[in-house]
PDB file of all heavy atoms in Angstrom:
ATOM      1  N   GLY A   1      18.310 -96.340-171.204  1.00  0.00           N
ATOM      2  CA  GLY A   1      18.998 -97.281-172.088  1.00  0.00           C
ATOM      3  C   GLY A   1      18.219 -97.505-173.376  1.00  0.00           C
ATOM      4  O   GLY A   1      18.798 -97.578-174.469  1.00  0.00           O
ATOM      5  N   LEU A   2      16.903 -97.600-173.265  1.00  0.00           N
ATOM      6  CA  LEU A   2      16.071 -97.726-174.465  1.00  0.00           C
ATOM      7  C   LEU A   2      16.195 -96.481-175.344  1.00  0.00           C
ATOM      8  O   LEU A   2      16.295 -96.583-176.573  1.00  0.00           O
ATOM      9  CB  LEU A   2      14.607 -97.947-174.083  1.00  0.00           C
ATOM     10  CG  LEU A   2      14.266 -99.259-173.381  1.00  0.00           C
ATOM     11  CD1 LEU A   2      12.773 -99.301-173.055  1.00  0.00           C
ATOM     12  CD2 LEU A   2      14.651-100.452-174.225  1.00  0.00           C
ATOM     13  N   LEU A   3      16.185 -95.324-174.707  1.00  0.00           N
ATOM     14  CA  LEU A   3      16.316 -94.071-175.447  1.00  0.00           C
ATOM     15  C   LEU A   3      17.658 -94.005-176.169  1.00  0.00           C
ATOM     16  O   LEU A   3      17.727 -93.607-177.342  1.00  0.00           O
ATOM     17  CB  LEU A   3      16.158 -92.898-174.472  1.00  0.00           C
ATOM     18  CG  LEU A   3      16.094 -91.489-175.049  1.00  0.00           C
ATOM     19  CD1 LEU A   3      14.956 -91.346-176.042  1.00  0.00           C
ATOM     20  CD2 LEU A   3      15.933 -90.490-173.919  1.00  0.00           C
ATOM     21  N   LEU A   4      18.707 -94.408-175.501  1.00  0.00           N
ATOM     22  CA  LEU A   4      20.026 -94.458-176.111  1.00  0.00           C
ATOM     23  C   LEU A   4      20.014 -95.384-177.330  1.00  0.00           C
ATOM     24  O   LEU A   4      20.529 -95.035-178.400  1.00  0.00           O
ATOM     25  CB  LEU A   4      21.052 -94.935-175.077  1.00  0.00           C
ATOM     26  CG  LEU A   4      22.472 -95.206-175.558  1.00  0.00           C
ATOM     27  CD1 LEU A   4      23.106 -93.946-176.138  1.00  0.00           C
ATOM     28  CD2 LEU A   4      23.304 -95.754-174.402  1.00  0.00           C
ATOM     29  N   ALA A   5      19.407 -96.546-177.194  1.00  0.00           N
ATOM     30  CA  ALA A   5      19.337 -97.500-178.307  1.00  0.00           C
ATOM     31  C   ALA A   5      18.539 -96.949-179.488  1.00  0.00           C
ATOM     32  O   ALA A   5      18.901 -97.168-180.648  1.00  0.00           O
ATOM     33  CB  ALA A   5      18.733 -98.819-177.829  1.00  0.00           C
ATOM     34  N   VAL A   6      17.470 -96.218-179.208  1.00  0.00           N
ATOM     35  CA  VAL A   6      16.682 -95.605-180.284  1.00  0.00           C
ATOM     36  C   VAL A   6      17.548 -94.606-181.057  1.00  0.00           C
ATOM     37  O   VAL A   6      17.549 -94.595-182.292  1.00  0.00           O
ATOM     38  CB  VAL A   6      15.409 -94.934-179.722  1.00  0.00           C
ATOM     39  CG1 VAL A   6      14.775 -93.999-180.737  1.00  0.00           C
ATOM     40  CG2 VAL A   6      14.400 -95.995-179.291  1.00  0.00           C
ATOM     41  N   GLY A   7      18.277 -93.781-180.338  1.00  0.00           N
ATOM     42  CA  GLY A   7      19.149 -92.810-181.009  1.00  0.00           C
ATOM     43  C   GLY A   7      20.203 -93.487-181.860  1.00  0.00           C
ATOM     44  O   GLY A   7      20.457 -93.094-182.999  1.00  0.00           O
ATOM     45  N   ILE A   8      20.820 -94.536-181.326  1.00  0.00           N
ATOM     46  CA  ILE A   8      21.817 -95.287-182.095  1.00  0.00           C
ATOM     47  C   ILE A   8      21.153 -95.943-183.306  1.00  0.00           C
ATOM     48  O   ILE A   8      21.734 -95.977-184.400  1.00  0.00           O
ATOM     49  CB  ILE A   8      22.527 -96.323-181.195  1.00  0.00           C
ATOM     50  CG1 ILE A   8      23.405 -95.596-180.169  1.00  0.00           C
ATOM     51  CG2 ILE A   8      23.356 -97.293-182.025  1.00  0.00           C
ATOM     52  CD1 ILE A   8      23.941 -96.491-179.064  1.00  0.00           C
ATOM     53  N   GLY A   9      19.931 -96.431-183.123  1.00  0.00           N
ATOM     54  CA  GLY A   9      19.194 -97.009-184.247  1.00  0.00           C
ATOM     55  C   GLY A   9      18.979 -96.008-185.371  1.00  0.00           C
ATOM     56  O   GLY A   9      19.132 -96.347-186.554  1.00  0.00           O
ATOM     57  N   PHE A  10      18.650 -94.783-185.015  1.00  0.00           N
ATOM     58  CA  PHE A  10      18.506 -93.745-186.052  1.00  0.00           C
ATOM     59  C   PHE A  10      19.846 -93.481-186.731  1.00  0.00           C
ATOM     60  O   PHE A  10      19.910 -93.326-187.950  1.00  0.00           O
ATOM     61  CB  PHE A  10      17.923 -92.453-185.465  1.00  0.00           C
ATOM     62  CG  PHE A  10      16.421 -92.443-185.401  1.00  0.00           C
ATOM     63  CD1 PHE A  10      15.766 -92.449-184.179  1.00  0.00           C
ATOM     64  CD2 PHE A  10      15.650 -92.421-186.546  1.00  0.00           C
ATOM     65  CE1 PHE A  10      14.388 -92.441-184.110  1.00  0.00           C
ATOM     66  CE2 PHE A  10      14.270 -92.408-186.494  1.00  0.00           C
ATOM     67  CZ  PHE A  10      13.629 -92.419-185.265  1.00  0.00           C
ATOM     68  N   TRP A  11      20.922 -93.434-185.954  1.00  0.00           N
ATOM     69  CA  TRP A  11      22.248 -93.226-186.556  1.00  0.00           C
ATOM     70  C   TRP A  11      22.584 -94.342-187.531  1.00  0.00           C
ATOM     71  O   TRP A  11      23.192 -94.109-188.566  1.00  0.00           O
ATOM     72  CB  TRP A  11      23.313 -93.141-185.472  1.00  0.00           C
ATOM     73  CG  TRP A  11      23.484 -91.765-184.878  1.00  0.00           C
ATOM     74  CD1 TRP A  11      22.994 -90.587-185.361  1.00  0.00           C
ATOM     75  CD2 TRP A  11      24.199 -91.438-183.693  1.00  0.00           C
ATOM     76  NE1 TRP A  11      23.365 -89.551-184.538  1.00  0.00           N
ATOM     77  CE2 TRP A  11      24.108 -90.040-183.521  1.00  0.00           C
ATOM     78  CE3 TRP A  11      24.912 -92.194-182.776  1.00  0.00           C
ATOM     79  CZ2 TRP A  11      24.706 -89.382-182.452  1.00  0.00           C
ATOM     80  CZ3 TRP A  11      25.500 -91.541-181.708  1.00  0.00           C
ATOM     81  CH2 TRP A  11      25.404 -90.143-181.555  1.00  0.00           C
ATOM     82  N   ARG A  12      22.184 -95.568-187.205  1.00  0.00           N
ATOM     83  CA  ARG A  12      22.476 -96.701-188.095  1.00  0.00           C
ATOM     84  C   ARG A  12      21.704 -96.606-189.416  1.00  0.00           C
ATOM     85  O   ARG A  12      22.082 -97.249-190.391  1.00  0.00           O
ATOM     86  CB  ARG A  12      22.148 -98.026-187.392  1.00  0.00           C
ATOM     87  CG  ARG A  12      22.976 -98.280-186.152  1.00  0.00           C
ATOM     88  CD  ARG A  12      24.331 -98.843-186.414  1.00  0.00           C
ATOM     89  NE  ARG A  12      24.192-100.143-187.050  1.00  0.00           N
ATOM     90  CZ  ARG A  12      24.995-100.580-188.000  1.00  0.00           C
ATOM     91  NH1 ARG A  12      26.002 -99.845-188.414  1.00  0.00           N
ATOM     92  NH2 ARG A  12      24.816-101.757-188.539  1.00  0.00           N
ATOM     93  N   CYS A  13      20.655 -95.821-189.444  1.00  0.00           N
ATOM     94  CA  CYS A  13      19.893 -95.605-190.685  1.00  0.00           C
ATOM     95  C   CYS A  13      20.593 -94.639-191.641  1.00  0.00           C
ATOM     96  O   CYS A  13      20.347 -94.666-192.840  1.00  0.00           O
ATOM     97  CB  CYS A  13      18.503 -95.035-190.377  1.00  0.00           C
ATOM     98  SG  CYS A  13      17.388 -96.170-189.547  1.00  0.00           S
ATOM     99  N   VAL A  14      21.434 -93.781-191.117  1.00  0.00           N
ATOM    100  CA  VAL A  14      21.978 -92.658-191.880  1.00  0.00           C
ATOM    101  C   VAL A  14      22.723 -93.051-193.159  1.00  0.00           C
ATOM    102  O   VAL A  14      22.444 -92.482-194.221  1.00  0.00           O
ATOM    103  CB  VAL A  14      22.843 -91.742-190.978  1.00  0.00           C
ATOM    104  CG1 VAL A  14      23.620 -90.720-191.790  1.00  0.00           C
ATOM    105  CG2 VAL A  14      21.955 -91.035-189.960  1.00  0.00           C
ATOM    106  N   PRO A  15      23.656 -94.000-193.152  1.00  0.00           N
ATOM    107  CA  PRO A  15      24.444 -94.251-194.365  1.00  0.00           C
ATOM    108  C   PRO A  15      23.615 -94.622-195.598  1.00  0.00           C
ATOM    109  O   PRO A  15      23.923 -94.168-196.696  1.00  0.00           O
ATOM    110  CB  PRO A  15      25.376 -95.401-193.967  1.00  0.00           C
ATOM    111  CG  PRO A  15      25.489 -95.291-192.490  1.00  0.00           C
ATOM    112  CD  PRO A  15      24.150 -94.805-192.018  1.00  0.00           C
ATOM    113  N   ALA A  16      22.575 -95.412-195.412  1.00  0.00           N
ATOM    114  CA  ALA A  16      21.717 -95.813-196.544  1.00  0.00           C
ATOM    115  C   ALA A  16      20.280 -95.431-196.219  1.00  0.00           C
ATOM    116  O   ALA A  16      19.365 -96.240-196.311  1.00  0.00           O
ATOM    117  CB  ALA A  16      21.851 -97.307-196.794  1.00  0.00           C
ATOM    118  N   ILE A  17      20.086 -94.178-195.848  1.00  0.00           N
ATOM    119  CA  ILE A  17      18.810 -93.726-195.288  1.00  0.00           C
ATOM    120  C   ILE A  17      17.626 -93.985-196.223  1.00  0.00           C
ATOM    121  O   ILE A  17      16.527 -94.260-195.776  1.00  0.00           O
ATOM    122  CB  ILE A  17      18.900 -92.248-194.866  1.00  0.00           C
ATOM    123  CG1 ILE A  17      17.804 -91.946-193.851  1.00  0.00           C
ATOM    124  CG2 ILE A  17      18.889 -91.301-196.070  1.00  0.00           C
ATOM    125  CD1 ILE A  17      18.092 -90.761-192.981  1.00  0.00           C
ATOM    126  N   GLU A  18      17.872 -93.935-197.529  1.00  0.00           N
ATOM    127  CA  GLU A  18      16.781 -94.134-198.481  1.00  0.00           C
ATOM    128  C   GLU A  18      16.262 -95.577-198.486  1.00  0.00           C
ATOM    129  O   GLU A  18      15.128 -95.827-198.890  1.00  0.00           O
ATOM    130  CB  GLU A  18      17.214 -93.721-199.899  1.00  0.00           C
ATOM    131  CG  GLU A  18      18.266 -94.614-200.514  1.00  0.00           C
ATOM    132  CD  GLU A  18      19.680 -94.380-200.006  1.00  0.00           C
ATOM    133  OE1 GLU A  18      19.921 -93.439-199.221  1.00  0.00           O
ATOM    134  OE2 GLU A  18      20.556 -95.164-200.410  1.00  0.00           O
ATOM    135  N   SER A  19      17.055 -96.516-198.012  1.00  0.00           N
ATOM    136  CA  SER A  19      16.638 -97.922-198.019  1.00  0.00           C
ATOM    137  C   SER A  19      16.348 -98.456-196.614  1.00  0.00           C
ATOM    138  O   SER A  19      16.196 -99.660-196.433  1.00  0.00           O
ATOM    139  CB  SER A  19      17.713 -98.786-198.684  1.00  0.00           C
ATOM    140  OG  SER A  19      18.901 -98.762-197.924  1.00  0.00           O
ATOM    141  N   ARG A  20      16.247 -97.603-195.643  1.00  0.00           N
ATOM    142  CA  ARG A  20      16.003 -98.023-194.260  1.00  0.00           C
ATOM    143  C   ARG A  20      14.596 -97.678-193.782  1.00  0.00           C
ATOM    144  O   ARG A  20      14.369 -97.395-192.608  1.00  0.00           O
ATOM    145  CB  ARG A  20      17.028 -97.388-193.315  1.00  0.00           C
ATOM    146  CG  ARG A  20      18.464 -97.762-193.590  1.00  0.00           C
ATOM    147  CD  ARG A  20      18.731 -99.194-193.160  1.00  0.00           C
ATOM    148  NE  ARG A  20      20.137 -99.497-193.277  1.00  0.00           N
ATOM    149  CZ  ARG A  20      20.620-100.384-194.137  1.00  0.00           C
ATOM    150  NH1 ARG A  20      19.813-101.040-194.942  1.00  0.00           N
ATOM    151  NH2 ARG A  20      21.913-100.614-194.189  1.00  0.00           N
ATOM    152  N   GLY A  21      13.641 -97.732-194.704  1.00  0.00           N
ATOM    153  CA  GLY A  21      12.268 -97.338-194.385  1.00  0.00           C
ATOM    154  C   GLY A  21      11.639 -98.145-193.264  1.00  0.00           C
ATOM    155  O   GLY A  21      10.971 -97.589-192.391  1.00  0.00           O
ATOM    156  N   GLY A  22      11.824 -99.462-193.277  1.00  0.00           N
ATOM    157  CA  GLY A  22      11.231-100.290-192.228  1.00  0.00           C
ATOM    158  C   GLY A  22      11.775 -99.966-190.854  1.00  0.00           C
ATOM    159  O   GLY A  22      11.027 -99.812-189.888  1.00  0.00           O
ATOM    160  N   ARG A  23      13.084 -99.855-190.766  1.00  0.00           N
ATOM    161  CA  ARG A  23      13.721 -99.533-189.482  1.00  0.00           C
ATOM    162  C   ARG A  23      13.319 -98.127-189.040  1.00  0.00           C
ATOM    163  O   ARG A  23      13.004 -97.904-187.872  1.00  0.00           O
ATOM    164  CB  ARG A  23      15.236 -99.623-189.596  1.00  0.00           C
ATOM    165  CG  ARG A  23      15.948 -99.288-188.287  1.00  0.00           C
ATOM    166  CD  ARG A  23      17.446 -99.337-188.411  1.00  0.00           C
ATOM    167  NE  ARG A  23      17.872-100.684-188.766  1.00  0.00           N
ATOM    168  CZ  ARG A  23      19.112-101.000-189.098  1.00  0.00           C
ATOM    169  NH1 ARG A  23      20.049-100.066-189.126  1.00  0.00           N
ATOM    170  NH2 ARG A  23      19.434-102.231-189.391  1.00  0.00           N
ATOM    171  N   PHE A  24      13.315 -97.198-189.976  1.00  0.00           N
ATOM    172  CA  PHE A  24      12.961 -95.818-189.657  1.00  0.00           C
ATOM    173  C   PHE A  24      11.518 -95.753-189.156  1.00  0.00           C
ATOM    174  O   PHE A  24      11.209 -95.047-188.189  1.00  0.00           O
ATOM    175  CB  PHE A  24      13.147 -94.926-190.889  1.00  0.00           C
ATOM    176  CG  PHE A  24      13.592 -93.537-190.580  1.00  0.00           C
ATOM    177  CD1 PHE A  24      14.933 -93.200-190.576  1.00  0.00           C
ATOM    178  CD2 PHE A  24      12.672 -92.540-190.300  1.00  0.00           C
ATOM    179  CE1 PHE A  24      15.355 -91.907-190.288  1.00  0.00           C
ATOM    180  CE2 PHE A  24      13.066 -91.256-190.012  1.00  0.00           C
ATOM    181  CZ  PHE A  24      14.409 -90.930-190.005  1.00  0.00           C
ATOM    182  N   ALA A  25      10.621 -96.511-189.805  1.00  0.00           N
ATOM    183  CA  ALA A  25       9.215 -96.533-189.389  1.00  0.00           C
ATOM    184  C   ALA A  25       9.067 -97.107-187.984  1.00  0.00           C
ATOM    185  O   ALA A  25       8.309 -96.575-187.160  1.00  0.00           O
ATOM    186  CB  ALA A  25       8.389 -97.334-190.388  1.00  0.00           C
ATOM    187  N   LEU A  26       9.771 -98.203-187.700  1.00  0.00           N
ATOM    188  CA  LEU A  26       9.685 -98.817-186.380  1.00  0.00           C
ATOM    189  C   LEU A  26      10.196 -97.867-185.300  1.00  0.00           C
ATOM    190  O   LEU A  26       9.545 -97.677-184.258  1.00  0.00           O
ATOM    191  CB  LEU A  26      10.479-100.127-186.345  1.00  0.00           C
ATOM    192  CG  LEU A  26      10.541-100.822-184.977  1.00  0.00           C
ATOM    193  CD1 LEU A  26       9.150-101.184-184.485  1.00  0.00           C
ATOM    194  CD2 LEU A  26      11.431-102.049-185.066  1.00  0.00           C
ATOM    195  N   LEU A  27      11.351 -97.261-185.537  1.00  0.00           N
ATOM    196  CA  LEU A  27      11.902 -96.318-184.559  1.00  0.00           C
ATOM    197  C   LEU A  27      10.961 -95.137-184.349  1.00  0.00           C
ATOM    198  O   LEU A  27      10.746 -94.686-183.220  1.00  0.00           O
ATOM    199  CB  LEU A  27      13.285 -95.839-184.998  1.00  0.00           C
ATOM    200  CG  LEU A  27      14.386 -96.895-184.955  1.00  0.00           C
ATOM    201  CD1 LEU A  27      15.621 -96.410-185.713  1.00  0.00           C
ATOM    202  CD2 LEU A  27      14.733 -97.267-183.529  1.00  0.00           C
ATOM    203  N   THR A  28      10.377 -94.638-185.439  1.00  0.00           N
ATOM    204  CA  THR A  28       9.426 -93.527-185.327  1.00  0.00           C
ATOM    205  C   THR A  28       8.205 -93.943-184.524  1.00  0.00           C
ATOM    206  O   THR A  28       7.717 -93.175-183.681  1.00  0.00           O
ATOM    207  CB  THR A  28       9.018 -93.031-186.727  1.00  0.00           C
ATOM    208  OG1 THR A  28      10.193 -92.565-187.409  1.00  0.00           O
ATOM    209  CG2 THR A  28       8.001 -91.900-186.646  1.00  0.00           C
ATOM    210  N   ALA A  29       7.696 -95.145-184.755  1.00  0.00           N
ATOM    211  CA  ALA A  29       6.533 -95.627-184.006  1.00  0.00           C
ATOM    212  C   ALA A  29       6.855 -95.745-182.522  1.00  0.00           C
ATOM    213  O   ALA A  29       6.031 -95.393-181.665  1.00  0.00           O
ATOM    214  CB  ALA A  29       6.067 -96.967-184.562  1.00  0.00           C
ATOM    215  N   ILE A  30       8.039 -96.224-182.191  1.00  0.00           N
ATOM    216  CA  ILE A  30       8.452 -96.333-180.788  1.00  0.00           C
ATOM    217  C   ILE A  30       8.499 -94.947-180.149  1.00  0.00           C
ATOM    218  O   ILE A  30       7.974 -94.727-179.049  1.00  0.00           O
ATOM    219  CB  ILE A  30       9.814 -97.051-180.675  1.00  0.00           C
ATOM    220  CG1 ILE A  30       9.667 -98.528-181.050  1.00  0.00           C
ATOM    221  CG2 ILE A  30      10.415 -96.886-179.279  1.00  0.00           C
ATOM    222  CD1 ILE A  30      10.986 -99.251-181.265  1.00  0.00           C
ATOM    223  N   VAL A  31       9.121 -93.997-180.844  1.00  0.00           N
ATOM    224  CA  VAL A  31       9.252 -92.634-180.313  1.00  0.00           C
ATOM    225  C   VAL A  31       7.882 -91.976-180.167  1.00  0.00           C
ATOM    226  O   VAL A  31       7.583 -91.361-179.130  1.00  0.00           O
ATOM    227  CB  VAL A  31      10.185 -91.794-181.214  1.00  0.00           C
ATOM    228  CG1 VAL A  31      10.138 -90.323-180.834  1.00  0.00           C
ATOM    229  CG2 VAL A  31      11.612 -92.324-181.131  1.00  0.00           C
ATOM    230  N   ALA A  32       7.030 -92.096-181.182  1.00  0.00           N
ATOM    231  CA  ALA A  32       5.707 -91.473-181.129  1.00  0.00           C
ATOM    232  C   ALA A  32       4.840 -92.103-180.039  1.00  0.00           C
ATOM    233  O   ALA A  32       4.079 -91.404-179.362  1.00  0.00           O
ATOM    234  CB  ALA A  32       5.030 -91.561-182.492  1.00  0.00           C
ATOM    235  N   THR A  33       4.958 -93.408-179.845  1.00  0.00           N
ATOM    236  CA  THR A  33       4.209 -94.066-178.772  1.00  0.00           C
ATOM    237  C   THR A  33       4.643 -93.521-177.414  1.00  0.00           C
ATOM    238  O   THR A  33       3.808 -93.248-176.541  1.00  0.00           O
ATOM    239  CB  THR A  33       4.400 -95.594-178.834  1.00  0.00           C
ATOM    240  OG1 THR A  33       3.930 -96.061-180.099  1.00  0.00           O
ATOM    241  CG2 THR A  33       3.647 -96.297-177.714  1.00  0.00           C
ATOM    242  N   GLY A  34       5.946 -93.338-177.245  1.00  0.00           N
ATOM    243  CA  GLY A  34       6.440 -92.718-176.015  1.00  0.00           C
ATOM    244  C   GLY A  34       5.904 -91.303-175.851  1.00  0.00           C
ATOM    245  O   GLY A  34       5.545 -90.886-174.745  1.00  0.00           O
ATOM    246  N   GLY A  35       5.827 -90.567-176.946  1.00  0.00           N
ATOM    247  CA  GLY A  35       5.286 -89.212-176.898  1.00  0.00           C
ATOM    248  C   GLY A  35       3.809 -89.194-176.513  1.00  0.00           C
ATOM    249  O   GLY A  35       3.366 -88.329-175.755  1.00  0.00           O
ATOM    250  N   LEU A  36       3.058 -90.169-177.023  1.00  0.00           N
ATOM    251  CA  LEU A  36       1.638 -90.252-176.654  1.00  0.00           C
ATOM    252  C   LEU A  36       1.491 -90.587-175.166  1.00  0.00           C
ATOM    253  O   LEU A  36       0.597 -90.058-174.492  1.00  0.00           O
ATOM    254  CB  LEU A  36       0.924 -91.283-177.519  1.00  0.00           C
ATOM    255  CG  LEU A  36       0.761 -90.895-178.988  1.00  0.00           C
ATOM    256  CD1 LEU A  36       0.193 -92.060-179.791  1.00  0.00           C
ATOM    257  CD2 LEU A  36      -0.115 -89.653-179.141  1.00  0.00           C
TER     258      LEU A  36
END
């Protein structure tokens, strides 16, 4: 469920991707932490 939410979160960044830096950074940190 968390993974699903992360993917949806990335999709929500798409329309105004240039202005979604904070959200994109948070999602990336969550994903990278899981990878570590």
